[in-house]
Amino acid sequence: MIPRKIFETLTNNYVYIYIRGIEKEFSGKIISLDDSDILKIEDKNNNIINVAISDIAVITERR
């Protein structure tokens, strides 16, 4: 599992994430990380995606 501190550091940054079991990458801006380890990501269409950090396999910052 990826440490919570990494997600806290990347808050308000644009990232790519890969979710376990899904062959597609997702991209967007990390809005917040709540106490129950749910990450909120806003995509380019302003949709908000909620993902448990335990389901994230890879996270990279977009540059």
PDB file of N, CA and C in Angstrom:
ATOM      1  N   MET A   1       0.834  -1.175   0.000  1.00  0.00           N
ATOM      2  CA  MET A   1       0.000   0.000   0.000  1.00  0.00           C
ATOM      3  C   MET A   1       0.887   1.249   0.000  1.00  0.00           C
ATOM      4  N   ILE A   2       0.445   2.260  -0.712  1.00  0.00           N
ATOM      5  CA  ILE A   2       1.183   3.514  -0.800  1.00  0.00           C
ATOM      6  C   ILE A   2       0.934   4.315   0.484  1.00  0.00           C
ATOM      7  N   PRO A   3       1.982   4.881   1.075  1.00  0.00           N
ATOM      8  CA  PRO A   3       1.812   5.627   2.328  1.00  0.00           C
ATOM      9  C   PRO A   3       0.900   6.850   2.181  1.00  0.00           C
ATOM     10  N   ARG A   4       0.122   7.099   3.206  1.00  0.00           N
ATOM     11  CA  ARG A   4      -0.820   8.225   3.227  1.00  0.00           C
ATOM     12  C   ARG A   4      -0.106   9.567   3.024  1.00  0.00           C
ATOM     13  N   LYS A   5       1.095   9.696   3.535  1.00  0.00           N
ATOM     14  CA  LYS A   5       1.868  10.942   3.446  1.00  0.00           C
ATOM     15  C   LYS A   5       2.081  11.368   1.992  1.00  0.00           C
ATOM     16  N   ILE A   6       2.257  10.415   1.095  1.00  0.00           N
ATOM     17  CA  ILE A   6       2.448  10.736  -0.325  1.00  0.00           C
ATOM     18  C   ILE A   6       1.202  11.402  -0.887  1.00  0.00           C
ATOM     19  N   PHE A   7       0.035  10.884  -0.548  1.00  0.00           N
ATOM     20  CA  PHE A   7      -1.212  11.481  -1.030  1.00  0.00           C
ATOM     21  C   PHE A   7      -1.417  12.874  -0.436  1.00  0.00           C
ATOM     22  N   GLU A   8      -1.055  13.039   0.833  1.00  0.00           N
ATOM     23  CA  GLU A   8      -1.180  14.353   1.468  1.00  0.00           C
ATOM     24  C   GLU A   8      -0.258  15.367   0.799  1.00  0.00           C
ATOM     25  N   THR A   9       0.934  14.933   0.405  1.00  0.00           N
ATOM     26  CA  THR A   9       1.885  15.808  -0.271  1.00  0.00           C
ATOM     27  C   THR A   9       1.383  16.220  -1.649  1.00  0.00           C
ATOM     28  N   LEU A  10       0.690  15.326  -2.332  1.00  0.00           N
ATOM     29  CA  LEU A  10       0.227  15.591  -3.697  1.00  0.00           C
ATOM     30  C   LEU A  10      -1.143  16.268  -3.765  1.00  0.00           C
ATOM     31  N   THR A  11      -1.730  16.622  -2.626  1.00  0.00           N
ATOM     32  CA  THR A  11      -3.024  17.311  -2.630  1.00  0.00           C
ATOM     33  C   THR A  11      -2.906  18.618  -3.402  1.00  0.00           C
ATOM     34  N   ASN A  12      -3.904  18.901  -4.244  1.00  0.00           N
ATOM     35  CA  ASN A  12      -3.970  20.067  -5.133  1.00  0.00           C
ATOM     36  C   ASN A  12      -2.994  19.988  -6.301  1.00  0.00           C
ATOM     37  N   ASN A  13      -2.467  18.801  -6.589  1.00  0.00           N
ATOM     38  CA  ASN A  13      -1.621  18.573  -7.756  1.00  0.00           C
ATOM     39  C   ASN A  13      -2.329  17.628  -8.717  1.00  0.00           C
ATOM     40  N   TYR A  14      -1.932  17.695  -9.972  1.00  0.00           N
ATOM     41  CA  TYR A  14      -2.482  16.804 -10.987  1.00  0.00           C
ATOM     42  C   TYR A  14      -1.662  15.521 -11.018  1.00  0.00           C
ATOM     43  N   VAL A  15      -2.348  14.390 -11.049  1.00  0.00           N
ATOM     44  CA  VAL A  15      -1.685  13.091 -10.979  1.00  0.00           C
ATOM     45  C   VAL A  15      -2.301  12.107 -11.976  1.00  0.00           C
ATOM     46  N   TYR A  16      -1.553  11.045 -12.243  1.00  0.00           N
ATOM     47  CA  TYR A  16      -2.063   9.858 -12.921  1.00  0.00           C
ATOM     48  C   TYR A  16      -2.135   8.770 -11.863  1.00  0.00           C
ATOM     49  N   ILE A  17      -3.214   7.996 -11.862  1.00  0.00           N
ATOM     50  CA  ILE A  17      -3.294   6.855 -10.952  1.00  0.00           C
ATOM     51  C   ILE A  17      -3.674   5.601 -11.735  1.00  0.00           C
ATOM     52  N   TYR A  18      -3.164   4.484 -11.273  1.00  0.00           N
ATOM     53  CA  TYR A  18      -3.535   3.173 -11.794  1.00  0.00           C
ATOM     54  C   TYR A  18      -4.185   2.412 -10.651  1.00  0.00           C
ATOM     55  N   ILE A  19      -5.378   1.900 -10.907  1.00  0.00           N
ATOM     56  CA  ILE A  19      -6.129   1.170  -9.890  1.00  0.00           C
ATOM     57  C   ILE A  19      -5.935  -0.322 -10.110  1.00  0.00           C
ATOM     58  N   ARG A  20      -5.757  -1.053  -9.023  1.00  0.00           N
ATOM     59  CA  ARG A  20      -5.567  -2.504  -9.119  1.00  0.00           C
ATOM     60  C   ARG A  20      -6.730  -3.157  -9.863  1.00  0.00           C
ATOM     61  N   GLY A  21      -6.396  -4.020 -10.819  1.00  0.00           N
ATOM     62  CA  GLY A  21      -7.416  -4.761 -11.548  1.00  0.00           C
ATOM     63  C   GLY A  21      -8.024  -4.018 -12.725  1.00  0.00           C
ATOM     64  N   ILE A  22      -7.625  -2.773 -12.949  1.00  0.00           N
ATOM     65  CA  ILE A  22      -8.138  -1.996 -14.082  1.00  0.00           C
ATOM     66  C   ILE A  22      -6.950  -1.620 -14.957  1.00  0.00           C
ATOM     67  N   GLU A  23      -7.048  -1.882 -16.238  1.00  0.00           N
ATOM     68  CA  GLU A  23      -5.937  -1.682 -17.159  1.00  0.00           C
ATOM     69  C   GLU A  23      -5.832  -0.265 -17.702  1.00  0.00           C
ATOM     70  N   LYS A  24      -6.591   0.659 -17.165  1.00  0.00           N
ATOM     71  CA  LYS A  24      -6.623   2.025 -17.677  1.00  0.00           C
ATOM     72  C   LYS A  24      -6.125   2.990 -16.616  1.00  0.00           C
ATOM     73  N   GLU A  25      -5.422   4.055 -17.067  1.00  0.00           N
ATOM     74  CA  GLU A  25      -4.988   5.076 -16.116  1.00  0.00           C
ATOM     75  C   GLU A  25      -6.060   6.140 -15.965  1.00  0.00           C
ATOM     76  N   PHE A  26      -6.103   6.745 -14.817  1.00  0.00           N
ATOM     77  CA  PHE A  26      -6.997   7.862 -14.555  1.00  0.00           C
ATOM     78  C   PHE A  26      -6.132   9.073 -14.253  1.00  0.00           C
ATOM     79  N   SER A  27      -6.592  10.239 -14.662  1.00  0.00           N
ATOM     80  CA  SER A  27      -5.837  11.447 -14.360  1.00  0.00           C
ATOM     81  C   SER A  27      -6.771  12.504 -13.807  1.00  0.00           C
ATOM     82  N   GLY A  28      -6.209  13.368 -12.997  1.00  0.00           N
ATOM     83  CA  GLY A  28      -6.987  14.449 -12.422  1.00  0.00           C
ATOM     84  C   GLY A  28      -6.237  15.125 -11.299  1.00  0.00           C
ATOM     85  N   LYS A  29      -6.927  16.023 -10.627  1.00  0.00           N
ATOM     86  CA  LYS A  29      -6.355  16.792  -9.525  1.00  0.00           C
ATOM     87  C   LYS A  29      -6.857  16.215  -8.204  1.00  0.00           C
ATOM     88  N   ILE A  30      -5.934  15.943  -7.295  1.00  0.00           N
ATOM     89  CA  ILE A  30      -6.325  15.449  -5.976  1.00  0.00           C
ATOM     90  C   ILE A  30      -6.949  16.599  -5.199  1.00  0.00           C
ATOM     91  N   ILE A  31      -8.193  16.413  -4.806  1.00  0.00           N
ATOM     92  CA  ILE A  31      -8.900  17.441  -4.047  1.00  0.00           C
ATOM     93  C   ILE A  31      -8.657  17.261  -2.557  1.00  0.00           C
ATOM     94  N   SER A  32      -8.860  16.037  -2.079  1.00  0.00           N
ATOM     95  CA  SER A  32      -8.694  15.807  -0.641  1.00  0.00           C
ATOM     96  C   SER A  32      -8.522  14.325  -0.349  1.00  0.00           C
ATOM     97  N   LEU A  33      -8.083  14.071   0.869  1.00  0.00           N
ATOM     98  CA  LEU A  33      -7.972  12.718   1.410  1.00  0.00           C
ATOM     99  C   LEU A  33      -8.634  12.755   2.778  1.00  0.00           C
ATOM    100  N   ASP A  34      -9.708  11.983   2.940  1.00  0.00           N
ATOM    101  CA  ASP A  34     -10.429  12.056   4.220  1.00  0.00           C
ATOM    102  C   ASP A  34      -9.888  11.043   5.234  1.00  0.00           C
ATOM    103  N   ASP A  35     -10.453  11.052   6.416  1.00  0.00           N
ATOM    104  CA  ASP A  35      -9.972  10.211   7.516  1.00  0.00           C
ATOM    105  C   ASP A  35     -10.143   8.716   7.268  1.00  0.00           C
ATOM    106  N   SER A  36     -11.072   8.345   6.402  1.00  0.00           N
ATOM    107  CA  SER A  36     -11.282   6.923   6.104  1.00  0.00           C
ATOM    108  C   SER A  36     -10.480   6.483   4.877  1.00  0.00           C
ATOM    109  N   ASP A  37      -9.443   7.236   4.519  1.00  0.00           N
ATOM    110  CA  ASP A  37      -8.518   6.934   3.416  1.00  0.00           C
ATOM    111  C   ASP A  37      -9.204   6.851   2.057  1.00  0.00           C
ATOM    112  N   ILE A  38     -10.171   7.722   1.833  1.00  0.00           N
ATOM    113  CA  ILE A  38     -10.815   7.853   0.529  1.00  0.00           C
ATOM    114  C   ILE A  38     -10.245   9.095  -0.146  1.00  0.00           C
ATOM    115  N   LEU A  39      -9.701   8.905  -1.343  1.00  0.00           N
ATOM    116  CA  LEU A  39      -9.092   9.981  -2.113  1.00  0.00           C
ATOM    117  C   LEU A  39     -10.129  10.550  -3.066  1.00  0.00           C
ATOM    118  N   LYS A  40     -10.272  11.866  -3.108  1.00  0.00           N
ATOM    119  CA  LYS A  40     -11.193  12.526  -4.031  1.00  0.00           C
ATOM    120  C   LYS A  40     -10.372  13.168  -5.129  1.00  0.00           C
ATOM    121  N   ILE A  41     -10.675  12.789  -6.381  1.00  0.00           N
ATOM    122  CA  ILE A  41      -9.948  13.289  -7.542  1.00  0.00           C
ATOM    123  C   ILE A  41     -10.937  13.928  -8.498  1.00  0.00           C
ATOM    124  N   GLU A  42     -10.608  15.115  -8.992  1.00  0.00           N
ATOM    125  CA  GLU A  42     -11.449  15.812  -9.963  1.00  0.00           C
ATOM    126  C   GLU A  42     -10.803  15.676 -11.336  1.00  0.00           C
ATOM    127  N   ASP A  43     -11.552  15.150 -12.318  1.00  0.00           N
ATOM    128  CA  ASP A  43     -10.996  14.981 -13.656  1.00  0.00           C
ATOM    129  C   ASP A  43     -11.209  16.242 -14.493  1.00  0.00           C
ATOM    130  N   LYS A  44     -10.791  16.192 -15.769  1.00  0.00           N
ATOM    131  CA  LYS A  44     -10.852  17.384 -16.624  1.00  0.00           C
ATOM    132  C   LYS A  44     -12.279  17.826 -16.930  1.00  0.00           C
ATOM    133  N   ASN A  45     -13.253  16.940 -16.745  1.00  0.00           N
ATOM    134  CA  ASN A  45     -14.658  17.278 -16.979  1.00  0.00           C
ATOM    135  C   ASN A  45     -15.371  17.685 -15.693  1.00  0.00           C
ATOM    136  N   ASN A  46     -14.601  17.944 -14.643  1.00  0.00           N
ATOM    137  CA  ASN A  46     -15.105  18.341 -13.325  1.00  0.00           C
ATOM    138  C   ASN A  46     -15.925  17.255 -12.632  1.00  0.00           C
ATOM    139  N   ASN A  47     -15.716  15.997 -13.013  1.00  0.00           N
ATOM    140  CA  ASN A  47     -16.323  14.868 -12.303  1.00  0.00           C
ATOM    141  C   ASN A  47     -15.442  14.534 -11.107  1.00  0.00           C
ATOM    142  N   ILE A  48     -16.061  14.205  -9.998  1.00  0.00           N
ATOM    143  CA  ILE A  48     -15.296  13.837  -8.810  1.00  0.00           C
ATOM    144  C   ILE A  48     -15.346  12.326  -8.643  1.00  0.00           C
ATOM    145  N   ILE A  49     -14.161  11.733  -8.527  1.00  0.00           N
ATOM    146  CA  ILE A  49     -14.010  10.294  -8.391  1.00  0.00           C
ATOM    147  C   ILE A  49     -13.522  10.011  -6.975  1.00  0.00           C
ATOM    148  N   ASN A  50     -14.153   9.072  -6.294  1.00  0.00           N
ATOM    149  CA  ASN A  50     -13.736   8.654  -4.951  1.00  0.00           C
ATOM    150  C   ASN A  50     -13.076   7.290  -5.056  1.00  0.00           C
ATOM    151  N   VAL A  51     -11.825   7.190  -4.589  1.00  0.00           N
ATOM    152  CA  VAL A  51     -11.067   5.947  -4.674  1.00  0.00           C
ATOM    153  C   VAL A  51     -10.413   5.681  -3.327  1.00  0.00           C
ATOM    154  N   ALA A  52     -10.515   4.455  -2.858  1.00  0.00           N
ATOM    155  CA  ALA A  52      -9.805   4.068  -1.634  1.00  0.00           C
ATOM    156  C   ALA A  52      -8.315   3.973  -1.948  1.00  0.00           C
ATOM    157  N   ILE A  53      -7.469   4.510  -1.073  1.00  0.00           N
ATOM    158  CA  ILE A  53      -6.037   4.487  -1.374  1.00  0.00           C
ATOM    159  C   ILE A  53      -5.477   3.064  -1.379  1.00  0.00           C
ATOM    160  N   SER A  54      -6.156   2.136  -0.749  1.00  0.00           N
ATOM    161  CA  SER A  54      -5.702   0.742  -0.772  1.00  0.00           C
ATOM    162  C   SER A  54      -5.899   0.110  -2.150  1.00  0.00           C
ATOM    163  N   ASP A  55      -6.751   0.703  -2.999  1.00  0.00           N
ATOM    164  CA  ASP A  55      -6.988   0.188  -4.351  1.00  0.00           C
ATOM    165  C   ASP A  55      -6.033   0.771  -5.385  1.00  0.00           C
ATOM    166  N   ILE A  56      -5.233   1.758  -5.009  1.00  0.00           N
ATOM    167  CA  ILE A  56      -4.333   2.414  -5.955  1.00  0.00           C
ATOM    168  C   ILE A  56      -3.014   1.659  -5.992  1.00  0.00           C
ATOM    169  N   ALA A  57      -2.616   1.255  -7.203  1.00  0.00           N
ATOM    170  CA  ALA A  57      -1.371   0.516  -7.373  1.00  0.00           C
ATOM    171  C   ALA A  57      -0.200   1.454  -7.640  1.00  0.00           C
ATOM    172  N   VAL A  58      -0.425   2.495  -8.468  1.00  0.00           N
ATOM    173  CA  VAL A  58       0.641   3.427  -8.858  1.00  0.00           C
ATOM    174  C   VAL A  58       0.075   4.830  -8.884  1.00  0.00           C
ATOM    175  N   ILE A  59       0.857   5.798  -8.428  1.00  0.00           N
ATOM    176  CA  ILE A  59       0.482   7.205  -8.540  1.00  0.00           C
ATOM    177  C   ILE A  59       1.709   7.977  -9.010  1.00  0.00           C
ATOM    178  N   THR A  60       1.518   8.828 -10.024  1.00  0.00           N
ATOM    179  CA  THR A  60       2.602   9.673 -10.515  1.00  0.00           C
ATOM    180  C   THR A  60       2.084  11.086 -10.692  1.00  0.00           C
ATOM    181  N   GLU A  61       2.948  12.042 -10.451  1.00  0.00           N
ATOM    182  CA  GLU A  61       2.574  13.442 -10.615  1.00  0.00           C
ATOM    183  C   GLU A  61       2.671  13.816 -12.087  1.00  0.00           C
ATOM    184  N   ARG A  62       1.669  14.541 -12.579  1.00  0.00           N
ATOM    185  CA  ARG A  62       1.695  15.014 -13.966  1.00  0.00           C
ATOM    186  C   ARG A  62       2.562  16.252 -14.039  1.00  0.00           C
ATOM    187  N   ARG A  63       3.349  16.334 -15.072  1.00  0.00           N
ATOM    188  CA  ARG A  63       4.207  17.511 -15.275  1.00  0.00           C
ATOM    189  C   ARG A  63       3.987  18.067 -16.643  1.00  0.00           C
TER     190      ARG A  63
END
